[in-house]
Amino acid sequence: MWAPDEEDACRTASTLWPSGALGGNLNQELPTPEQFEAAVELVTEGDVAERVVCVPDPARHLEAIRRFEAAGFDHVYVHQIGPD
């Protein structure tokens, strides 16, 4: 998630994509939108920041991508959350 500053990035990611911080099988197993809405009520900005790179520094994004490369992944999907 890119934004002019880290606080803004975390706030935007929490608002637009809180389900990114749901753990376990919740992202795959909840059958209705209402259940997703209920589950994300428990998600905090801190939860999102732990799972989503929320910084304006491209080097930190690249660092996160390289961790996947080091783990053996050969494809990485980069998902921008928000308008910028």
Protein backbone atom coordinates (compact mmCIF):
# COMPACT_ATOMS: atom_id res chain seq x y z
CA MET A 1 0.00 0.00 0.00
CA TRP A 2 1.54 3.29 -1.07
CA ALA A 3 0.57 6.66 0.38
CA PRO A 4 2.45 9.88 1.19
CA ASP A 5 3.07 8.64 4.75
CA GLU A 6 2.82 5.40 6.70
CA GLU A 7 -0.12 6.51 8.86
CA ASP A 8 -2.20 7.44 5.82
CA ALA A 9 -1.29 4.15 4.10
CA CYS A 10 -2.36 2.06 7.10
CA ARG A 11 -5.59 4.01 7.50
CA THR A 12 -6.46 3.61 3.80
CA ALA A 13 -5.63 -0.11 3.77
CA SER A 14 -7.69 -0.66 6.95
CA THR A 15 -10.65 1.17 5.47
CA LEU A 16 -10.60 -0.32 1.98
CA TRP A 17 -9.20 -3.81 2.55
CA PRO A 18 -9.51 -4.90 6.19
CA SER A 19 -10.09 -8.50 5.09
CA GLY A 20 -6.41 -8.61 4.12
CA ALA A 21 -5.66 -8.96 7.82
CA LEU A 22 -8.05 -11.82 8.51
CA GLY A 23 -6.11 -14.85 9.63
CA GLY A 24 -6.53 -18.53 9.02
CA ASN A 25 -9.17 -19.63 6.55
CA LEU A 26 -11.51 -16.71 7.13
CA ASN A 27 -10.77 -15.16 3.72
CA GLN A 28 -11.76 -18.41 2.03
CA GLU A 29 -14.42 -19.88 4.27
CA LEU A 30 -16.92 -17.16 5.14
CA PRO A 31 -19.95 -17.79 2.92
CA THR A 32 -21.69 -14.40 3.02
CA PRO A 33 -20.74 -10.72 2.77
CA GLU A 34 -22.43 -10.14 6.13
CA GLN A 35 -20.05 -12.60 7.76
CA PHE A 36 -17.05 -10.83 6.22
CA GLU A 37 -18.37 -7.51 7.53
CA ALA A 38 -18.73 -8.99 11.02
CA ALA A 39 -15.24 -10.53 10.93
CA VAL A 40 -13.47 -7.34 9.84
CA GLU A 41 -15.03 -5.36 12.68
CA LEU A 42 -12.35 -7.01 14.84
CA VAL A 43 -9.50 -5.91 12.55
CA THR A 44 -7.38 -2.93 13.65
CA GLU A 45 -5.02 -0.71 11.66
CA GLY A 46 -2.19 -2.50 13.45
CA ASP A 47 -3.46 -5.87 12.23
CA VAL A 48 -3.46 -4.58 8.66
CA ALA A 49 0.03 -3.07 9.05
CA GLU A 50 1.37 -6.48 10.13
CA ARG A 51 0.21 -8.10 6.88
CA VAL A 52 0.31 -5.26 4.35
CA VAL A 53 3.38 -3.17 3.54
CA CYS A 54 2.02 0.31 4.32
CA VAL A 55 4.86 2.70 3.53
CA PRO A 56 5.79 5.43 1.04
CA ASP A 57 9.31 4.00 0.58
CA PRO A 58 9.63 1.81 -2.56
CA ALA A 59 12.71 0.14 -1.08
CA ARG A 60 10.59 -1.36 1.73
CA HIS A 61 8.12 -2.71 -0.82
CA LEU A 62 11.00 -4.27 -2.76
CA GLU A 63 12.37 -5.74 0.48
CA ALA A 64 9.02 -7.43 1.14
CA ILE A 65 8.92 -8.81 -2.42
CA ARG A 66 12.48 -10.14 -2.07
CA ARG A 67 11.45 -12.10 1.04
CA PHE A 68 9.01 -14.04 -1.14
CA GLU A 69 11.73 -14.53 -3.76
CA ALA A 70 14.11 -15.85 -1.09
CA ALA A 71 11.41 -18.27 0.04
CA GLY A 72 11.30 -19.75 -3.47
CA PHE A 73 8.31 -17.99 -5.02
CA ASP A 74 8.69 -17.23 -8.74
CA HIS A 75 5.57 -15.07 -9.04
CA VAL A 76 4.47 -12.22 -6.79
CA TYR A 77 1.18 -10.36 -7.16
CA VAL A 78 1.42 -6.70 -6.15
CA HIS A 79 -1.93 -5.26 -5.13
CA GLN A 80 -2.30 -1.52 -4.70
CA ILE A 81 -5.01 -0.61 -2.22
CA GLY A 82 -6.42 2.85 -2.62
CA PRO A 83 -6.48 5.68 -5.12
CA ASP A 84 -2.73 6.41 -5.43
